[in-house]
Each structure stands twice: as C-alpha cells, then as structure tokens.
C-alpha cells in the first residue's frame, strides 16, 4: 500500500526579500553607502545584489540588518512554500 505525505518546504523569495531590504533601508534613512560602511564592504555591489534579488545576505548580515532596521529577521526575509509530495511504498509480507 502506498501512502502520500505532503510537506511544505519554505524557500526564500530573493526578489521579495531584496525589495523589503530596500524599503526598510529607505524607511530608516540609510543610504547604500551607509550600509557599505557598516558592513565593511569595499564596494556597494553586495548591497545592490541583495536589493535586486540576485542573492541573499548571510545569516550574520541579516542579524545586523535586523538591528539596523529595528525589526525581526522574519520581517526582512520574504518566503514562500513549495509543496513536496513524499511517496512511501509499504512492503507487505
């Protein structure tokens, strides 16, 4: 007999998260250059890449952003769920 389980796997929405970072940055009055200095980056490309949804900040950088923006990390990261079906075939003797 086969059983089917459904699992909702959360994934980060890079575009949505990037838009949220940009929105919160502007709301709190920070420039891209300000963030570049705070994070110690030589160039601002990493921040632009976050805001454009090309990649996501590391956990450490998300923690810093949450303190800067005075929000929980969950208010920065936008996620969605992917439905995964797990098929288990039970063996009968």
N, C-alpha and C. Protein backbone atom coordinates (compact mmCIF):
# COMPACT_ATOMS: atom_id res chain seq x y z
N UNK A 1 0.84 -1.17 0.00
CA UNK A 1 0.00 0.00 0.00
C UNK A 1 0.89 1.25 0.00
N UNK A 2 0.54 2.20 -0.81
CA UNK A 2 1.33 3.42 -0.92
C UNK A 2 0.66 4.55 -0.14
N UNK A 3 1.47 5.25 0.65
CA UNK A 3 0.96 6.43 1.35
C UNK A 3 1.65 7.67 0.79
N UNK A 4 0.93 8.77 0.83
CA UNK A 4 1.47 10.03 0.33
C UNK A 4 1.45 11.04 1.47
N UNK A 5 2.61 11.63 1.72
CA UNK A 5 2.71 12.71 2.70
C UNK A 5 3.01 13.99 1.93
N UNK A 6 2.49 15.09 2.43
CA UNK A 6 2.77 16.38 1.82
C UNK A 6 3.57 17.22 2.80
N UNK A 7 4.63 17.81 2.30
CA UNK A 7 5.47 18.68 3.10
C UNK A 7 5.58 20.02 2.39
N UNK A 8 5.37 21.11 3.14
CA UNK A 8 5.53 22.45 2.58
C UNK A 8 6.93 22.94 2.94
N UNK A 9 7.79 22.98 1.94
CA UNK A 9 9.17 23.40 2.14
C UNK A 9 9.30 24.90 1.93
N UNK A 10 9.73 25.65 2.95
CA UNK A 10 9.87 27.09 2.78
C UNK A 10 11.11 27.42 1.95
N UNK A 11 10.99 28.41 1.09
CA UNK A 11 12.11 28.90 0.29
C UNK A 11 12.11 30.42 0.36
N UNK A 12 13.30 30.99 0.27
CA UNK A 12 13.43 32.45 0.31
C UNK A 12 13.08 33.02 -1.05
N UNK A 13 12.21 34.00 -1.05
CA UNK A 13 11.86 34.76 -2.24
C UNK A 13 12.90 35.88 -2.34
N UNK A 14 13.90 35.69 -3.20
CA UNK A 14 15.00 36.64 -3.29
C UNK A 14 14.55 38.03 -3.72
N UNK A 15 13.68 38.09 -4.70
CA UNK A 15 13.18 39.40 -5.18
C UNK A 15 12.40 40.11 -4.08
N UNK A 16 11.51 39.38 -3.42
CA UNK A 16 10.71 39.96 -2.35
C UNK A 16 11.57 40.40 -1.18
N UNK A 17 12.55 39.59 -0.82
CA UNK A 17 13.45 39.94 0.27
C UNK A 17 14.28 41.16 -0.09
N UNK A 18 14.76 41.22 -1.32
CA UNK A 18 15.52 42.38 -1.78
C UNK A 18 14.70 43.65 -1.73
N UNK A 19 13.46 43.57 -2.17
CA UNK A 19 12.57 44.73 -2.13
C UNK A 19 12.32 45.16 -0.69
N UNK A 20 12.22 44.20 0.21
CA UNK A 20 12.00 44.51 1.62
C UNK A 20 13.23 45.19 2.23
N UNK A 21 14.41 44.71 1.88
CA UNK A 21 15.65 45.34 2.38
C UNK A 21 15.72 46.79 1.90
N UNK A 22 15.43 47.01 0.62
CA UNK A 22 15.47 48.36 0.06
C UNK A 22 14.44 49.26 0.73
N UNK A 23 13.24 48.75 0.93
CA UNK A 23 12.16 49.53 1.55
C UNK A 23 12.53 49.91 2.98
N UNK A 24 13.03 48.94 3.75
CA UNK A 24 13.40 49.21 5.13
C UNK A 24 14.61 50.14 5.23
N UNK A 25 15.55 49.97 4.31
CA UNK A 25 16.73 50.85 4.30
C UNK A 25 16.30 52.30 4.12
N UNK A 26 15.44 52.53 3.14
CA UNK A 26 14.97 53.89 2.87
C UNK A 26 14.11 54.42 4.02
N UNK A 27 13.25 53.55 4.56
CA UNK A 27 12.38 53.94 5.67
C UNK A 27 13.19 54.40 6.88
N UNK A 28 14.31 53.73 7.14
CA UNK A 28 15.16 54.06 8.29
C UNK A 28 16.19 55.15 7.97
N UNK A 29 16.23 55.62 6.72
CA UNK A 29 17.10 56.74 6.36
C UNK A 29 18.55 56.37 6.08
N UNK A 30 18.79 55.12 5.71
CA UNK A 30 20.15 54.71 5.37
C UNK A 30 20.36 54.74 3.86
N UNK A 31 21.55 55.12 3.43
CA UNK A 31 21.91 55.04 2.02
C UNK A 31 22.63 53.72 1.78
N UNK A 32 22.80 53.36 0.52
CA UNK A 32 23.57 52.16 0.20
C UNK A 32 25.00 52.34 0.72
N UNK A 33 25.53 53.54 0.59
CA UNK A 33 26.88 53.82 1.08
C UNK A 33 26.97 53.61 2.60
N UNK A 34 25.93 54.02 3.33
CA UNK A 34 25.91 53.80 4.78
C UNK A 34 26.04 52.31 5.09
N UNK A 35 25.26 51.49 4.39
CA UNK A 35 25.33 50.04 4.64
C UNK A 35 26.69 49.48 4.25
N UNK A 36 27.23 49.99 3.17
CA UNK A 36 28.56 49.55 2.73
C UNK A 36 29.58 49.78 3.85
N UNK A 37 29.54 50.94 4.47
CA UNK A 37 30.46 51.28 5.56
C UNK A 37 30.19 50.41 6.78
N UNK A 38 28.92 50.24 7.15
CA UNK A 38 28.56 49.44 8.32
C UNK A 38 29.05 48.00 8.18
N UNK A 39 28.90 47.44 6.98
CA UNK A 39 29.31 46.05 6.76
C UNK A 39 30.80 45.92 6.44
N UNK A 40 31.47 47.04 6.18
CA UNK A 40 32.90 46.98 5.88
C UNK A 40 33.20 46.48 4.49
N UNK A 41 32.25 46.64 3.57
CA UNK A 41 32.46 46.20 2.19
C UNK A 41 33.29 47.25 1.45
N UNK A 42 34.20 46.80 0.60
CA UNK A 42 34.99 47.72 -0.21
C UNK A 42 34.14 48.40 -1.28
N UNK A 43 33.14 47.68 -1.77
CA UNK A 43 32.29 48.18 -2.84
C UNK A 43 30.82 47.92 -2.48
N UNK A 44 29.90 48.69 -3.05
CA UNK A 44 28.48 48.54 -2.69
C UNK A 44 27.75 47.43 -3.45
N UNK A 45 28.44 46.71 -4.32
CA UNK A 45 27.76 45.72 -5.17
C UNK A 45 26.98 44.68 -4.38
N UNK A 46 27.48 44.27 -3.22
CA UNK A 46 26.77 43.25 -2.44
C UNK A 46 25.40 43.77 -2.01
N UNK A 47 25.34 45.02 -1.61
CA UNK A 47 24.07 45.59 -1.17
C UNK A 47 23.11 45.72 -2.34
N UNK A 48 23.63 46.18 -3.48
CA UNK A 48 22.78 46.26 -4.68
C UNK A 48 22.28 44.87 -5.09
N UNK A 49 23.15 43.86 -4.97
CA UNK A 49 22.75 42.49 -5.31
C UNK A 49 21.64 42.00 -4.39
N UNK A 50 21.70 42.34 -3.10
CA UNK A 50 20.62 41.98 -2.17
C UNK A 50 19.33 42.63 -2.62
N UNK A 51 19.41 43.94 -2.86
CA UNK A 51 18.19 44.70 -3.18
C UNK A 51 17.59 44.32 -4.52
N UNK A 52 18.40 43.83 -5.43
CA UNK A 52 17.89 43.40 -6.74
C UNK A 52 17.45 41.94 -6.74
N UNK A 53 17.61 41.27 -5.62
CA UNK A 53 17.19 39.87 -5.52
C UNK A 53 18.12 38.91 -6.23
N UNK A 54 19.37 39.30 -6.42
CA UNK A 54 20.34 38.41 -7.07
C UNK A 54 20.90 37.40 -6.08
N UNK A 55 21.02 37.80 -4.82
CA UNK A 55 21.40 36.88 -3.76
C UNK A 55 20.91 37.41 -2.43
N UNK A 56 21.07 36.62 -1.39
CA UNK A 56 20.56 36.99 -0.07
C UNK A 56 21.72 37.24 0.88
N UNK A 57 21.51 38.09 1.85
CA UNK A 57 22.55 38.30 2.88
C UNK A 57 22.77 37.01 3.67
N UNK A 58 23.96 36.87 4.22
CA UNK A 58 24.23 35.74 5.11
C UNK A 58 23.41 35.92 6.38
N UNK A 59 23.35 34.89 7.18
CA UNK A 59 22.63 34.96 8.45
C UNK A 59 23.22 36.08 9.32
N UNK A 60 24.54 36.17 9.38
CA UNK A 60 25.18 37.22 10.17
C UNK A 60 24.76 38.61 9.68
N UNK A 61 24.73 38.79 8.37
CA UNK A 61 24.35 40.09 7.82
C UNK A 61 22.87 40.37 8.02
N UNK A 62 22.03 39.34 7.97
CA UNK A 62 20.61 39.53 8.28
C UNK A 62 20.42 39.99 9.72
N UNK A 63 21.23 39.45 10.62
CA UNK A 63 21.16 39.84 12.01
C UNK A 63 21.49 41.33 12.16
N UNK A 64 22.54 41.77 11.48
CA UNK A 64 22.92 43.19 11.52
C UNK A 64 21.80 44.05 10.93
N UNK A 65 21.24 43.63 9.80
CA UNK A 65 20.14 44.39 9.18
C UNK A 65 18.95 44.49 10.13
N UNK A 66 18.65 43.41 10.84
CA UNK A 66 17.51 43.44 11.75
C UNK A 66 17.73 44.46 12.87
N UNK A 67 18.96 44.57 13.36
CA UNK A 67 19.25 45.58 14.37
C UNK A 67 19.19 46.99 13.79
N UNK A 68 19.77 47.17 12.59
CA UNK A 68 19.74 48.49 11.95
C UNK A 68 18.32 48.97 11.69
N UNK A 69 17.49 48.06 11.20
CA UNK A 69 16.13 48.43 10.80
C UNK A 69 15.14 48.32 11.97
N UNK A 70 15.61 47.78 13.10
CA UNK A 70 14.79 47.59 14.29
C UNK A 70 13.55 46.73 14.00
N UNK A 71 13.80 45.60 13.33
CA UNK A 71 12.75 44.63 13.02
C UNK A 71 13.29 43.23 13.26
N UNK A 72 12.41 42.26 13.33
CA UNK A 72 12.82 40.85 13.39
C UNK A 72 13.30 40.41 12.01
N UNK A 73 14.18 39.43 11.99
CA UNK A 73 14.67 38.89 10.72
C UNK A 73 13.49 38.43 9.86
N UNK A 74 12.46 37.89 10.50
CA UNK A 74 11.30 37.41 9.75
C UNK A 74 10.56 38.53 9.03
N UNK A 75 10.80 39.78 9.43
CA UNK A 75 10.20 40.91 8.73
C UNK A 75 11.04 41.38 7.55
N UNK A 76 12.25 40.84 7.44
CA UNK A 76 13.13 41.15 6.31
C UNK A 76 13.00 40.07 5.23
N UNK A 77 13.05 38.83 5.67
CA UNK A 77 13.03 37.70 4.73
C UNK A 77 11.60 37.43 4.28
N UNK A 78 11.41 37.42 2.97
CA UNK A 78 10.12 37.06 2.38
C UNK A 78 10.26 35.62 1.90
N UNK A 79 9.29 34.79 2.27
CA UNK A 79 9.38 33.39 1.88
C UNK A 79 8.08 32.91 1.26
N UNK A 80 8.18 31.79 0.61
CA UNK A 80 7.01 31.11 0.08
C UNK A 80 7.23 29.62 0.31
N UNK A 81 6.23 28.83 0.03
CA UNK A 81 6.33 27.39 0.25
C UNK A 81 6.22 26.63 -1.06
N UNK A 82 7.00 25.59 -1.15
CA UNK A 82 6.91 24.65 -2.28
C UNK A 82 6.33 23.36 -1.72
N UNK A 83 5.28 22.88 -2.35
CA UNK A 83 4.66 21.64 -1.89
C UNK A 83 5.45 20.44 -2.41
N UNK A 84 5.87 19.60 -1.48
CA UNK A 84 6.62 18.39 -1.81
C UNK A 84 5.77 17.19 -1.43
N UNK A 85 5.62 16.29 -2.36
CA UNK A 85 4.88 15.05 -2.07
C UNK A 85 5.90 13.92 -1.87
N UNK A 86 5.72 13.21 -0.76
CA UNK A 86 6.60 12.10 -0.42
C UNK A 86 5.79 10.81 -0.53
N UNK A 87 6.22 9.96 -1.42
CA UNK A 87 5.53 8.69 -1.66
C UNK A 87 6.25 7.59 -0.91
N UNK A 88 5.54 6.92 -0.05
CA UNK A 88 6.09 5.79 0.70
C UNK A 88 5.37 4.52 0.26
N UNK A 89 6.13 3.59 -0.21
CA UNK A 89 5.54 2.30 -0.56
C UNK A 89 5.79 1.35 0.61
N UNK A 90 4.69 0.92 1.22
CA UNK A 90 4.82 -0.01 2.33
C UNK A 90 4.90 -1.42 1.79
N UNK A 91 5.84 -2.16 2.32
CA UNK A 91 6.03 -3.54 1.88
C UNK A 91 5.11 -4.43 2.69
N UNK A 92 4.44 -5.32 2.00
CA UNK A 92 3.60 -6.30 2.70
C UNK A 92 4.26 -7.66 2.57
N UNK A 93 4.23 -8.41 3.64
CA UNK A 93 4.89 -9.72 3.63
C UNK A 93 3.92 -10.81 3.28
